[in-house]
Amino acid sequence: MSVETERFALFAEVFAALAHPKRLEIIHYLGEKQHTAGELTELTGLSKANVSQHLSILKARGLVHCDKCGTFCHYRLTSPELLQTCEIVRHLILEQMDLTVASRQKLAELVPLRKQPS
């Protein structure tokens, strides 16, 4: 495998970890402050086992870190740049939505819908 291929494979793994709505929700909450798995369970409405699975994936990709404090693990983002990345993607989505709406409006003006015979 070439260095370039390996680099893009690593990118894909990170994006795959971000490709689940509940993992993005967990990232959102961890962006506010660190949380325990129990707190994330309450915030997301997921089972503790499901939260644990999502946290394992995020930890494996180096996006989340666990600080042990007694019997609790406090989870936090490894970098604030992760939130910046999510914000960039959010802007891209909003731009695409604006383009889609603008395209539909233009198409409706150019090719109006036919009236159905009554």
PDB file of N, CA and C in Angstrom:
ATOM      1  N   MET A   1       0.856  -1.179   0.000  1.00  0.00           N
ATOM      2  CA  MET A   1       0.000   0.000   0.000  1.00  0.00           C
ATOM      3  C   MET A   1       0.896   1.235   0.000  1.00  0.00           C
ATOM      4  N   SER A   2       0.597   2.182  -0.884  1.00  0.00           N
ATOM      5  CA  SER A   2       1.391   3.402  -0.960  1.00  0.00           C
ATOM      6  C   SER A   2       1.087   4.304   0.238  1.00  0.00           C
ATOM      7  N   VAL A   3       1.963   5.247   0.483  1.00  0.00           N
ATOM      8  CA  VAL A   3       1.775   6.190   1.582  1.00  0.00           C
ATOM      9  C   VAL A   3       0.494   6.991   1.357  1.00  0.00           C
ATOM     10  N   GLU A   4       0.262   7.384   0.119  1.00  0.00           N
ATOM     11  CA  GLU A   4      -0.957   8.140  -0.194  1.00  0.00           C
ATOM     12  C   GLU A   4      -2.204   7.308   0.096  1.00  0.00           C
ATOM     13  N   THR A   5      -2.205   6.063  -0.339  1.00  0.00           N
ATOM     14  CA  THR A   5      -3.351   5.183  -0.112  1.00  0.00           C
ATOM     15  C   THR A   5      -3.569   4.984   1.379  1.00  0.00           C
ATOM     16  N   GLU A   6      -2.493   4.789   2.111  1.00  0.00           N
ATOM     17  CA  GLU A   6      -2.593   4.598   3.559  1.00  0.00           C
ATOM     18  C   GLU A   6      -3.139   5.859   4.236  1.00  0.00           C
ATOM     19  N   ARG A   7      -2.689   7.006   3.772  1.00  0.00           N
ATOM     20  CA  ARG A   7      -3.160   8.276   4.341  1.00  0.00           C
ATOM     21  C   ARG A   7      -4.666   8.427   4.131  1.00  0.00           C
ATOM     22  N   PHE A   8      -5.114   8.150   2.911  1.00  0.00           N
ATOM     23  CA  PHE A   8      -6.552   8.290   2.626  1.00  0.00           C
ATOM     24  C   PHE A   8      -7.368   7.224   3.357  1.00  0.00           C
ATOM     25  N   ALA A   9      -6.795   6.062   3.581  1.00  0.00           N
ATOM     26  CA  ALA A   9      -7.483   5.018   4.354  1.00  0.00           C
ATOM     27  C   ALA A   9      -7.681   5.483   5.798  1.00  0.00           C
ATOM     28  N   LEU A  10      -6.684   6.154   6.353  1.00  0.00           N
ATOM     29  CA  LEU A  10      -6.813   6.689   7.714  1.00  0.00           C
ATOM     30  C   LEU A  10      -7.882   7.780   7.765  1.00  0.00           C
ATOM     31  N   PHE A  11      -7.902   8.645   6.753  1.00  0.00           N
ATOM     32  CA  PHE A  11      -8.952   9.665   6.670  1.00  0.00           C
ATOM     33  C   PHE A  11     -10.322   8.996   6.666  1.00  0.00           C
ATOM     34  N   ALA A  12     -10.458   7.959   5.847  1.00  0.00           N
ATOM     35  CA  ALA A  12     -11.736   7.265   5.719  1.00  0.00           C
ATOM     36  C   ALA A  12     -12.166   6.656   7.056  1.00  0.00           C
ATOM     37  N   GLU A  13     -11.219   6.131   7.819  1.00  0.00           N
ATOM     38  CA  GLU A  13     -11.552   5.552   9.122  1.00  0.00           C
ATOM     39  C   GLU A  13     -12.090   6.612  10.080  1.00  0.00           C
ATOM     40  N   VAL A  14     -11.481   7.783  10.062  1.00  0.00           N
ATOM     41  CA  VAL A  14     -11.965   8.866  10.927  1.00  0.00           C
ATOM     42  C   VAL A  14     -13.357   9.305  10.486  1.00  0.00           C
ATOM     43  N   PHE A  15     -13.538   9.488   9.180  1.00  0.00           N
ATOM     44  CA  PHE A  15     -14.852   9.900   8.700  1.00  0.00           C
ATOM     45  C   PHE A  15     -15.905   8.822   8.952  1.00  0.00           C
ATOM     46  N   ALA A  16     -15.513   7.565   8.891  1.00  0.00           N
ATOM     47  CA  ALA A  16     -16.448   6.478   9.199  1.00  0.00           C
ATOM     48  C   ALA A  16     -16.887   6.566  10.665  1.00  0.00           C
ATOM     49  N   ALA A  17     -15.958   6.907  11.544  1.00  0.00           N
ATOM     50  CA  ALA A  17     -16.303   7.054  12.962  1.00  0.00           C
ATOM     51  C   ALA A  17     -17.268   8.215  13.165  1.00  0.00           C
ATOM     52  N   LEU A  18     -17.182   9.227  12.317  1.00  0.00           N
ATOM     53  CA  LEU A  18     -18.050  10.395  12.427  1.00  0.00           C
ATOM     54  C   LEU A  18     -19.376  10.210  11.685  1.00  0.00           C
ATOM     55  N   ALA A  19     -19.532   9.092  10.994  1.00  0.00           N
ATOM     56  CA  ALA A  19     -20.677   8.901  10.101  1.00  0.00           C
ATOM     57  C   ALA A  19     -21.927   8.364  10.791  1.00  0.00           C
ATOM     58  N   HIS A  20     -21.989   8.447  12.095  1.00  0.00           N
ATOM     59  CA  HIS A  20     -23.175   7.967  12.814  1.00  0.00           C
ATOM     60  C   HIS A  20     -23.776   9.136  13.599  1.00  0.00           C
ATOM     61  N   PRO A  21     -25.081   9.363  13.467  1.00  0.00           N
ATOM     62  CA  PRO A  21     -25.706  10.505  14.148  1.00  0.00           C
ATOM     63  C   PRO A  21     -25.508  10.515  15.663  1.00  0.00           C
ATOM     64  N   LYS A  22     -25.562   9.366  16.301  1.00  0.00           N
ATOM     65  CA  LYS A  22     -25.400   9.334  17.761  1.00  0.00           C
ATOM     66  C   LYS A  22     -23.958   9.621  18.170  1.00  0.00           C
ATOM     67  N   ARG A  23     -22.995   9.208  17.345  1.00  0.00           N
ATOM     68  CA  ARG A  23     -21.598   9.548  17.661  1.00  0.00           C
ATOM     69  C   ARG A  23     -21.390  11.056  17.519  1.00  0.00           C
ATOM     70  N   LEU A  24     -22.023  11.659  16.525  1.00  0.00           N
ATOM     71  CA  LEU A  24     -21.937  13.114  16.382  1.00  0.00           C
ATOM     72  C   LEU A  24     -22.602  13.809  17.566  1.00  0.00           C
ATOM     73  N   GLU A  25     -23.690  13.236  18.047  1.00  0.00           N
ATOM     74  CA  GLU A  25     -24.354  13.789  19.228  1.00  0.00           C
ATOM     75  C   GLU A  25     -23.433  13.698  20.450  1.00  0.00           C
ATOM     76  N   ILE A  26     -22.768  12.571  20.608  1.00  0.00           N
ATOM     77  CA  ILE A  26     -21.822  12.399  21.720  1.00  0.00           C
ATOM     78  C   ILE A  26     -20.701  13.428  21.600  1.00  0.00           C
ATOM     79  N   ILE A  27     -20.180  13.619  20.404  1.00  0.00           N
ATOM     80  CA  ILE A  27     -19.128  14.617  20.185  1.00  0.00           C
ATOM     81  C   ILE A  27     -19.632  16.003  20.564  1.00  0.00           C
ATOM     82  N   HIS A  28     -20.868  16.291  20.201  1.00  0.00           N
ATOM     83  CA  HIS A  28     -21.467  17.580  20.555  1.00  0.00           C
ATOM     84  C   HIS A  28     -21.441  17.778  22.075  1.00  0.00           C
ATOM     85  N   TYR A  29     -21.907  16.783  22.816  1.00  0.00           N
ATOM     86  CA  TYR A  29     -21.940  16.901  24.276  1.00  0.00           C
ATOM     87  C   TYR A  29     -20.536  16.983  24.871  1.00  0.00           C
ATOM     88  N   LEU A  30     -19.606  16.228  24.318  1.00  0.00           N
ATOM     89  CA  LEU A  30     -18.230  16.279  24.831  1.00  0.00           C
ATOM     90  C   LEU A  30     -17.552  17.596  24.457  1.00  0.00           C
ATOM     91  N   GLY A  31     -18.053  18.248  23.438  1.00  0.00           N
ATOM     92  CA  GLY A  31     -17.531  19.569  23.085  1.00  0.00           C
ATOM     93  C   GLY A  31     -17.909  20.629  24.102  1.00  0.00           C
ATOM     94  N   GLU A  32     -19.016  20.396  24.806  1.00  0.00           N
ATOM     95  CA  GLU A  32     -19.444  21.323  25.851  1.00  0.00           C
ATOM     96  C   GLU A  32     -18.595  21.159  27.107  1.00  0.00           C
ATOM     97  N   LYS A  33     -18.365  19.890  27.498  1.00  0.00           N
ATOM     98  CA  LYS A  33     -17.545  19.562  28.675  1.00  0.00           C
ATOM     99  C   LYS A  33     -17.361  18.057  28.715  1.00  0.00           C
ATOM    100  N   GLN A  34     -16.457  17.592  29.578  1.00  0.00           N
ATOM    101  CA  GLN A  34     -16.283  16.140  29.691  1.00  0.00           C
ATOM    102  C   GLN A  34     -17.468  15.538  30.425  1.00  0.00           C
ATOM    103  N   HIS A  35     -17.744  14.279  30.073  1.00  0.00           N
ATOM    104  CA  HIS A  35     -18.880  13.564  30.652  1.00  0.00           C
ATOM    105  C   HIS A  35     -18.490  12.128  30.949  1.00  0.00           C
ATOM    106  N   THR A  36     -19.212  11.533  31.885  1.00  0.00           N
ATOM    107  CA  THR A  36     -19.091  10.093  32.127  1.00  0.00           C
ATOM    108  C   THR A  36     -20.020   9.374  31.142  1.00  0.00           C
ATOM    109  N   ALA A  37     -19.837   8.069  31.019  1.00  0.00           N
ATOM    110  CA  ALA A  37     -20.713   7.276  30.156  1.00  0.00           C
ATOM    111  C   ALA A  37     -22.149   7.359  30.653  1.00  0.00           C
ATOM    112  N   GLY A  38     -22.342   7.377  31.950  1.00  0.00           N
ATOM    113  CA  GLY A  38     -23.684   7.493  32.515  1.00  0.00           C
ATOM    114  C   GLY A  38     -24.354   8.800  32.128  1.00  0.00           C
ATOM    115  N   GLU A  39     -23.601   9.877  32.181  1.00  0.00           N
ATOM    116  CA  GLU A  39     -24.156  11.173  31.777  1.00  0.00           C
ATOM    117  C   GLU A  39     -24.508  11.174  30.287  1.00  0.00           C
ATOM    118  N   LEU A  40     -23.640  10.585  29.477  1.00  0.00           N
ATOM    119  CA  LEU A  40     -23.913  10.514  28.039  1.00  0.00           C
ATOM    120  C   LEU A  40     -25.129   9.633  27.753  1.00  0.00           C
ATOM    121  N   THR A  41     -25.327   8.614  28.567  1.00  0.00           N
ATOM    122  CA  THR A  41     -26.510   7.757  28.438  1.00  0.00           C
ATOM    123  C   THR A  41     -27.775   8.587  28.651  1.00  0.00           C
ATOM    124  N   GLU A  42     -27.769   9.398  29.692  1.00  0.00           N
ATOM    125  CA  GLU A  42     -28.930  10.257  29.973  1.00  0.00           C
ATOM    126  C   GLU A  42     -29.135  11.299  28.874  1.00  0.00           C
ATOM    127  N   LEU A  43     -28.053  11.910  28.430  1.00  0.00           N
ATOM    128  CA  LEU A  43     -28.150  12.970  27.425  1.00  0.00           C
ATOM    129  C   LEU A  43     -28.628  12.460  26.069  1.00  0.00           C
ATOM    130  N   THR A  44     -28.160  11.279  25.673  1.00  0.00           N
ATOM    131  CA  THR A  44     -28.476  10.757  24.337  1.00  0.00           C
ATOM    132  C   THR A  44     -29.711   9.864  24.304  1.00  0.00           C
ATOM    133  N   GLY A  45     -30.113   9.329  25.471  1.00  0.00           N
ATOM    134  CA  GLY A  45     -31.241   8.401  25.503  1.00  0.00           C
ATOM    135  C   GLY A  45     -30.869   6.993  25.054  1.00  0.00           C
ATOM    136  N   LEU A  46     -29.589   6.733  24.868  1.00  0.00           N
ATOM    137  CA  LEU A  46     -29.119   5.403  24.469  1.00  0.00           C
ATOM    138  C   LEU A  46     -28.903   4.538  25.710  1.00  0.00           C
ATOM    139  N   SER A  47     -28.809   3.240  25.501  1.00  0.00           N
ATOM    140  CA  SER A  47     -28.453   2.350  26.605  1.00  0.00           C
ATOM    141  C   SER A  47     -26.973   2.556  26.931  1.00  0.00           C
ATOM    142  N   LYS A  48     -26.596   2.168  28.134  1.00  0.00           N
ATOM    143  CA  LYS A  48     -25.189   2.315  28.539  1.00  0.00           C
ATOM    144  C   LYS A  48     -24.287   1.477  27.626  1.00  0.00           C
ATOM    145  N   ALA A  49     -24.736   0.290  27.245  1.00  0.00           N
ATOM    146  CA  ALA A  49     -23.950  -0.572  26.355  1.00  0.00           C
ATOM    147  C   ALA A  49     -23.752   0.090  24.993  1.00  0.00           C
ATOM    148  N   ASN A  50     -24.806   0.735  24.475  1.00  0.00           N
ATOM    149  CA  ASN A  50     -24.712   1.392  23.181  1.00  0.00           C
ATOM    150  C   ASN A  50     -23.781   2.599  23.236  1.00  0.00           C
ATOM    151  N   VAL A  51     -23.882   3.388  24.301  1.00  0.00           N
ATOM    152  CA  VAL A  51     -22.970   4.525  24.483  1.00  0.00           C
ATOM    153  C   VAL A  51     -21.539   4.024  24.549  1.00  0.00           C
ATOM    154  N   SER A  52     -21.335   2.943  25.273  1.00  0.00           N
ATOM    155  CA  SER A  52     -20.001   2.358  25.413  1.00  0.00           C
ATOM    156  C   SER A  52     -19.437   1.926  24.053  1.00  0.00           C
ATOM    157  N   GLN A  53     -20.276   1.328  23.214  1.00  0.00           N
ATOM    158  CA  GLN A  53     -19.834   0.921  21.871  1.00  0.00           C
ATOM    159  C   GLN A  53     -19.417   2.129  21.045  1.00  0.00           C
ATOM    160  N   HIS A  54     -20.236   3.188  21.086  1.00  0.00           N
ATOM    161  CA  HIS A  54     -19.912   4.396  20.324  1.00  0.00           C
ATOM    162  C   HIS A  54     -18.628   5.045  20.843  1.00  0.00           C
ATOM    163  N   LEU A  55     -18.476   5.090  22.167  1.00  0.00           N
ATOM    164  CA  LEU A  55     -17.258   5.663  22.745  1.00  0.00           C
ATOM    165  C   LEU A  55     -16.029   4.842  22.362  1.00  0.00           C
ATOM    166  N   SER A  56     -16.166   3.535  22.306  1.00  0.00           N
ATOM    167  CA  SER A  56     -15.043   2.673  21.904  1.00  0.00           C
ATOM    168  C   SER A  56     -14.589   2.992  20.482  1.00  0.00           C
ATOM    169  N   ILE A  57     -15.540   3.202  19.596  1.00  0.00           N
ATOM    170  CA  ILE A  57     -15.200   3.536  18.206  1.00  0.00           C
ATOM    171  C   ILE A  57     -14.507   4.890  18.154  1.00  0.00           C
ATOM    172  N   LEU A  58     -15.039   5.870  18.887  1.00  0.00           N
ATOM    173  CA  LEU A  58     -14.432   7.205  18.894  1.00  0.00           C
ATOM    174  C   LEU A  58     -13.042   7.182  19.524  1.00  0.00           C
ATOM    175  N   LYS A  59     -12.883   6.379  20.564  1.00  0.00           N
ATOM    176  CA  LYS A  59     -11.558   6.243  21.199  1.00  0.00           C
ATOM    177  C   LYS A  59     -10.574   5.559  20.258  1.00  0.00           C
ATOM    178  N   ALA A  60     -11.018   4.513  19.565  1.00  0.00           N
ATOM    179  CA  ALA A  60     -10.140   3.773  18.653  1.00  0.00           C
ATOM    180  C   ALA A  60      -9.624   4.660  17.523  1.00  0.00           C
ATOM    181  N   ARG A  61     -10.403   5.656  17.138  1.00  0.00           N
ATOM    182  CA  ARG A  61     -10.000   6.579  16.063  1.00  0.00           C
ATOM    183  C   ARG A  61      -9.268   7.794  16.604  1.00  0.00           C
ATOM    184  N   GLY A  62      -9.060   7.821  17.930  1.00  0.00           N
ATOM    185  CA  GLY A  62      -8.298   8.919  18.535  1.00  0.00           C
ATOM    186  C   GLY A  62      -9.068  10.214  18.651  1.00  0.00           C
ATOM    187  N   LEU A  63     -10.385  10.134  18.631  1.00  0.00           N
ATOM    188  CA  LEU A  63     -11.206  11.343  18.696  1.00  0.00           C
ATOM    189  C   LEU A  63     -11.640  11.684  20.117  1.00  0.00           C
ATOM    190  N   VAL A  64     -11.670  10.667  20.974  1.00  0.00           N
ATOM    191  CA  VAL A  64     -12.112  10.821  22.358  1.00  0.00           C
ATOM    192  C   VAL A  64     -11.075  10.175  23.271  1.00  0.00           C
ATOM    193  N   HIS A  65     -10.878  10.790  24.434  1.00  0.00           N
ATOM    194  CA  HIS A  65      -9.943  10.253  25.428  1.00  0.00           C
ATOM    195  C   HIS A  65     -10.697  10.022  26.734  1.00  0.00           C
ATOM    196  N   CYS A  66     -10.271   9.004  27.461  1.00  0.00           N
ATOM    197  CA  CYS A  66     -10.886   8.657  28.740  1.00  0.00           C
ATOM    198  C   CYS A  66      -9.894   8.946  29.864  1.00  0.00           C
ATOM    199  N   ASP A  67     -10.326   9.770  30.825  1.00  0.00           N
ATOM    200  CA  ASP A  67      -9.532  10.030  32.029  1.00  0.00           C
ATOM    201  C   ASP A  67     -10.196   9.282  33.174  1.00  0.00           C
ATOM    202  N   LYS A  68      -9.462   8.304  33.752  1.00  0.00           N
ATOM    203  CA  LYS A  68     -10.029   7.534  34.864  1.00  0.00           C
ATOM    204  C   LYS A  68      -9.903   8.337  36.151  1.00  0.00           C
ATOM    205  N   CYS A  69     -11.008   8.360  36.886  1.00  0.00           N
ATOM    206  CA  CYS A  69     -11.049   9.068  38.167  1.00  0.00           C
ATOM    207  C   CYS A  69     -11.805   8.166  39.139  1.00  0.00           C
ATOM    208  N   GLY A  70     -11.051   7.375  39.889  1.00  0.00           N
ATOM    209  CA  GLY A  70     -11.683   6.399  40.779  1.00  0.00           C
ATOM    210  C   GLY A  70     -12.359   5.321  39.949  1.00  0.00           C
ATOM    211  N   THR A  71     -13.644   5.129  40.168  1.00  0.00           N
ATOM    212  CA  THR A  71     -14.380   4.101  39.421  1.00  0.00           C
ATOM    213  C   THR A  71     -15.033   4.673  38.155  1.00  0.00           C
ATOM    214  N   PHE A  72     -14.883   5.970  37.939  1.00  0.00           N
ATOM    215  CA  PHE A  72     -15.509   6.615  36.785  1.00  0.00           C
ATOM    216  C   PHE A  72     -14.486   6.928  35.698  1.00  0.00           C
ATOM    217  N   CYS A  73     -14.969   6.919  34.480  1.00  0.00           N
ATOM    218  CA  CYS A  73     -14.189   7.389  33.339  1.00  0.00           C
ATOM    219  C   CYS A  73     -14.836   8.675  32.856  1.00  0.00           C
ATOM    220  N   HIS A  74     -14.037   9.704  32.752  1.00  0.00           N
ATOM    221  CA  HIS A  74     -14.516  10.974  32.225  1.00  0.00           C
ATOM    222  C   HIS A  74     -14.007  11.079  30.793  1.00  0.00           C
ATOM    223  N   TYR A  75     -14.949  11.209  29.860  1.00  0.00           N
ATOM    224  CA  TYR A  75     -14.601  11.267  28.444  1.00  0.00           C
ATOM    225  C   TYR A  75     -14.524  12.719  27.996  1.00  0.00           C
ATOM    226  N   ARG A  76     -13.556  12.978  27.127  1.00  0.00           N
ATOM    227  CA  ARG A  76     -13.379  14.319  26.565  1.00  0.00           C
ATOM    228  C   ARG A  76     -12.875  14.183  25.133  1.00  0.00           C
ATOM    229  N   LEU A  77     -13.048  15.240  24.366  1.00  0.00           N
ATOM    230  CA  LEU A  77     -12.514  15.252  23.003  1.00  0.00           C
ATOM    231  C   LEU A  77     -11.004  15.371  23.069  1.00  0.00           C
ATOM    232  N   THR A  78     -10.318  14.738  22.149  1.00  0.00           N
ATOM    233  CA  THR A  78      -8.857  14.834  22.136  1.00  0.00           C
ATOM    234  C   THR A  78      -8.399  16.168  21.555  1.00  0.00           C
ATOM    235  N   SER A  79      -9.269  16.812  20.779  1.00  0.00           N
ATOM    236  CA  SER A  79      -8.888  18.084  20.168  1.00  0.00           C
ATOM    237  C   SER A  79     -10.124  18.940  19.916  1.00  0.00           C
ATOM    238  N   PRO A  80     -10.034  20.242  20.228  1.00  0.00           N
ATOM    239  CA  PRO A  80     -11.155  21.137  19.908  1.00  0.00           C
ATOM    240  C   PRO A  80     -11.339  21.288  18.394  1.00  0.00           C
ATOM    241  N   GLU A  81     -10.320  20.917  17.636  1.00  0.00           N
ATOM    242  CA  GLU A  81     -10.425  21.004  16.177  1.00  0.00           C
ATOM    243  C   GLU A  81     -11.496  20.065  15.627  1.00  0.00           C
ATOM    244  N   LEU A  82     -11.850  19.049  16.396  1.00  0.00           N
ATOM    245  CA  LEU A  82     -12.923  18.147  15.979  1.00  0.00           C
ATOM    246  C   LEU A  82     -14.233  18.915  15.860  1.00  0.00           C
ATOM    247  N   LEU A  83     -14.504  19.804  16.809  1.00  0.00           N
ATOM    248  CA  LEU A  83     -15.714  20.622  16.738  1.00  0.00           C
ATOM    249  C   LEU A  83     -15.651  21.577  15.557  1.00  0.00           C
ATOM    250  N   GLN A  84     -14.460  22.109  15.279  1.00  0.00           N
ATOM    251  CA  GLN A  84     -14.296  22.989  14.117  1.00  0.00           C
ATOM    252  C   GLN A  84     -14.577  22.224  12.828  1.00  0.00           C
ATOM    253  N   THR A  85     -14.127  20.982  12.769  1.00  0.00           N
ATOM    254  CA  THR A  85     -14.388  20.139  11.600  1.00  0.00           C
ATOM    255  C   THR A  85     -15.887  19.920  11.420  1.00  0.00           C
ATOM    256  N   CYS A  86     -16.575  19.620  12.509  1.00  0.00           N
ATOM    257  CA  CYS A  86     -18.031  19.431  12.450  1.00  0.00           C
ATOM    258  C   CYS A  86     -18.717  20.710  12.003  1.00  0.00           C
ATOM    259  N   GLU A  87     -18.224  21.852  12.453  1.00  0.00           N
ATOM    260  CA  GLU A  87     -18.816  23.130  12.070  1.00  0.00           C
ATOM    261  C   GLU A  87     -18.601  23.403  10.576  1.00  0.00           C
ATOM    262  N   ILE A  88     -17.440  23.038  10.057  1.00  0.00           N
ATOM    263  CA  ILE A  88     -17.173  23.191   8.621  1.00  0.00           C
ATOM    264  C   ILE A  88     -18.147  22.338   7.814  1.00  0.00           C
ATOM    265  N   VAL A  89     -18.345  21.102   8.244  1.00  0.00           N
ATOM    266  CA  VAL A  89     -19.277  20.209   7.546  1.00  0.00           C
ATOM    267  C   VAL A  89     -20.695  20.764   7.634  1.00  0.00           C
ATOM    268  N   ARG A  90     -21.053  21.308   8.784  1.00  0.00           N
ATOM    269  CA  ARG A  90     -22.380  21.926   8.954  1.00  0.00           C
ATOM    270  C   ARG A  90     -22.573  23.042   7.940  1.00  0.00           C
ATOM    271  N   HIS A  91     -21.557  23.892   7.774  1.00  0.00           N
ATOM    272  CA  HIS A  91     -21.642  24.981   6.790  1.00  0.00           C
ATOM    273  C   HIS A  91     -21.780  24.437   5.371  1.00  0.00           C
ATOM    274  N   LEU A  92     -21.043  23.376   5.058  1.00  0.00           N
ATOM    275  CA  LEU A  92     -21.163  22.759   3.732  1.00  0.00           C
ATOM    276  C   LEU A  92     -22.586  22.266   3.486  1.00  0.00           C
ATOM    277  N   ILE A  93     -23.170  21.631   4.500  1.00  0.00           N
ATOM    278  CA  ILE A  93     -24.535  21.121   4.377  1.00  0.00           C
ATOM    279  C   ILE A  93     -25.514  22.272   4.158  1.00  0.00           C
ATOM    280  N   LEU A  94     -25.361  23.344   4.937  1.00  0.00           N
ATOM    281  CA  LEU A  94     -26.254  24.489   4.792  1.00  0.00           C
ATOM    282  C   LEU A  94     -26.115  25.127   3.413  1.00  0.00           C
ATOM    283  N   GLU A  95     -24.883  25.213   2.907  1.00  0.00           N
ATOM    284  CA  GLU A  95     -24.669  25.748   1.562  1.00  0.00           C
ATOM    285  C   GLU A  95     -25.346  24.873   0.521  1.00  0.00           C
ATOM    286  N   GLN A  96     -25.216  23.539   0.664  1.00  0.00           N
ATOM    287  CA  GLN A  96     -25.855  22.622  -0.271  1.00  0.00           C
ATOM    288  C   GLN A  96     -27.375  22.756  -0.215  1.00  0.00           C
ATOM    289  N   MET A  97     -27.892  22.924   0.993  1.00  0.00           N
ATOM    290  CA  MET A  97     -29.340  23.088   1.136  1.00  0.00           C
ATOM    291  C   MET A  97     -29.795  24.367   0.431  1.00  0.00           C
ATOM    292  N   ASP A  98     -29.018  25.453   0.603  1.00  0.00           N
ATOM    293  CA  ASP A  98     -29.343  26.715  -0.061  1.00  0.00           C
ATOM    294  C   ASP A  98     -29.295  26.550  -1.575  1.00  0.00           C
ATOM    295  N   LEU A  99     -28.265  25.852  -2.076  1.00  0.00           N
ATOM    296  CA  LEU A  99     -28.155  25.621  -3.512  1.00  0.00           C
ATOM    297  C   LEU A  99     -29.318  24.795  -4.031  1.00  0.00           C
ATOM    298  N   THR A 100     -29.702  23.788  -3.270  1.00  0.00           N
ATOM    299  CA  THR A 100     -30.814  22.931  -3.677  1.00  0.00           C
ATOM    300  C   THR A 100     -32.108  23.732  -3.746  1.00  0.00           C
ATOM    301  N   VAL A 101     -32.357  24.545  -2.733  1.00  0.00           N
ATOM    302  CA  VAL A 101     -33.568  25.375  -2.716  1.00  0.00           C
ATOM    303  C   VAL A 101     -33.535  26.349  -3.883  1.00  0.00           C
ATOM    304  N   ALA A 102     -32.382  27.000  -4.098  1.00  0.00           N
ATOM    305  CA  ALA A 102     -32.267  27.950  -5.202  1.00  0.00           C
ATOM    306  C   ALA A 102     -32.471  27.258  -6.544  1.00  0.00           C
ATOM    307  N   SER A 103     -31.913  26.057  -6.702  1.00  0.00           N
ATOM    308  CA  SER A 103     -32.073  25.303  -7.946  1.00  0.00           C
ATOM    309  C   SER A 103     -33.530  24.931  -8.179  1.00  0.00           C
ATOM    310  N   ARG A 104     -34.199  24.504  -7.145  1.00  0.00           N
ATOM    311  CA  ARG A 104     -35.615  24.128  -7.277  1.00  0.00           C
ATOM    312  C   ARG A 104     -36.464  25.340  -7.650  1.00  0.00           C
ATOM    313  N   GLN A 105     -36.161  26.486  -7.020  1.00  0.00           N
ATOM    314  CA  GLN A 105     -36.918  27.692  -7.325  1.00  0.00           C
ATOM    315  C   GLN A 105     -36.704  28.108  -8.778  1.00  0.00           C
ATOM    316  N   LYS A 106     -35.449  28.054  -9.231  1.00  0.00           N
ATOM    317  CA  LYS A 106     -35.150  28.424 -10.610  1.00  0.00           C
ATOM    318  C   LYS A 106     -35.834  27.465 -11.578  1.00  0.00           C
ATOM    319  N   LEU A 107     -35.771  26.170 -11.278  1.00  0.00           N
ATOM    320  CA  LEU A 107     -36.416  25.174 -12.123  1.00  0.00           C
ATOM    321  C   LEU A 107     -37.926  25.404 -12.169  1.00  0.00           C
ATOM    322  N   ALA A 108     -38.525  25.738 -11.041  1.00  0.00           N
ATOM    323  CA  ALA A 108     -39.961  25.999 -11.002  1.00  0.00           C
ATOM    324  C   ALA A 108     -40.324  27.213 -11.852  1.00  0.00           C
ATOM    325  N   GLU A 109     -39.435  28.199 -11.887  1.00  0.00           N
ATOM    326  CA  GLU A 109     -39.685  29.382 -12.713  1.00  0.00           C
ATOM    327  C   GLU A 109     -39.534  29.057 -14.194  1.00  0.00           C
ATOM    328  N   LEU A 110     -38.526  28.267 -14.529  1.00  0.00           N
ATOM    329  CA  LEU A 110     -38.270  27.933 -15.925  1.00  0.00           C
ATOM    330  C   LEU A 110     -39.268  26.916 -16.473  1.00  0.00           C
ATOM    331  N   VAL A 111     -39.619  25.961 -15.649  1.00  0.00           N
ATOM    332  CA  VAL A 111     -40.532  24.887 -16.065  1.00  0.00           C
ATOM    333  C   VAL A 111     -41.630  24.770 -15.016  1.00  0.00           C
ATOM    334  N   PRO A 112     -42.670  25.612 -15.156  1.00  0.00           N
ATOM    335  CA  PRO A 112     -43.730  25.549 -14.154  1.00  0.00           C
ATOM    336  C   PRO A 112     -44.481  24.224 -14.227  1.00  0.00           C
ATOM    337  N   LEU A 113     -44.994  23.824 -13.087  1.00  0.00           N
ATOM    338  CA  LEU A 113     -45.777  22.586 -13.031  1.00  0.00           C
ATOM    339  C   LEU A 113     -47.052  22.763 -13.856  1.00  0.00           C
ATOM    340  N   ARG A 114     -47.432  21.683 -14.566  1.00  0.00           N
ATOM    341  CA  ARG A 114     -48.677  21.733 -15.330  1.00  0.00           C
ATOM    342  C   ARG A 114     -49.843  21.626 -14.370  1.00  0.00           C
ATOM    343  N   LYS A 115     -50.858  22.361 -14.681  1.00  0.00           N
ATOM    344  CA  LYS A 115     -52.076  22.261 -13.863  1.00  0.00           C
ATOM    345  C   LYS A 115     -52.782  20.968 -14.224  1.00  0.00           C
ATOM    346  N   GLN A 116     -53.240  20.288 -13.219  1.00  0.00           N
ATOM    347  CA  GLN A 116     -53.974  19.047 -13.425  1.00  0.00           C
ATOM    348  C   GLN A 116     -55.374  19.365 -13.924  1.00  0.00           C
ATOM    349  N   PRO A 117     -55.856  18.636 -14.939  1.00  0.00           N
ATOM    350  CA  PRO A 117     -57.239  18.885 -15.396  1.00  0.00           C
ATOM    351  C   PRO A 117     -58.221  18.531 -14.287  1.00  0.00           C
ATOM    352  N   SER A 118     -59.251  19.365 -14.166  1.00  0.00           N
ATOM    353  CA  SER A 118     -60.244  19.085 -13.116  1.00  0.00           C
ATOM    354  C   SER A 118     -61.379  18.246 -13.607  1.00  0.00           C
TER     355      SER A 118
END
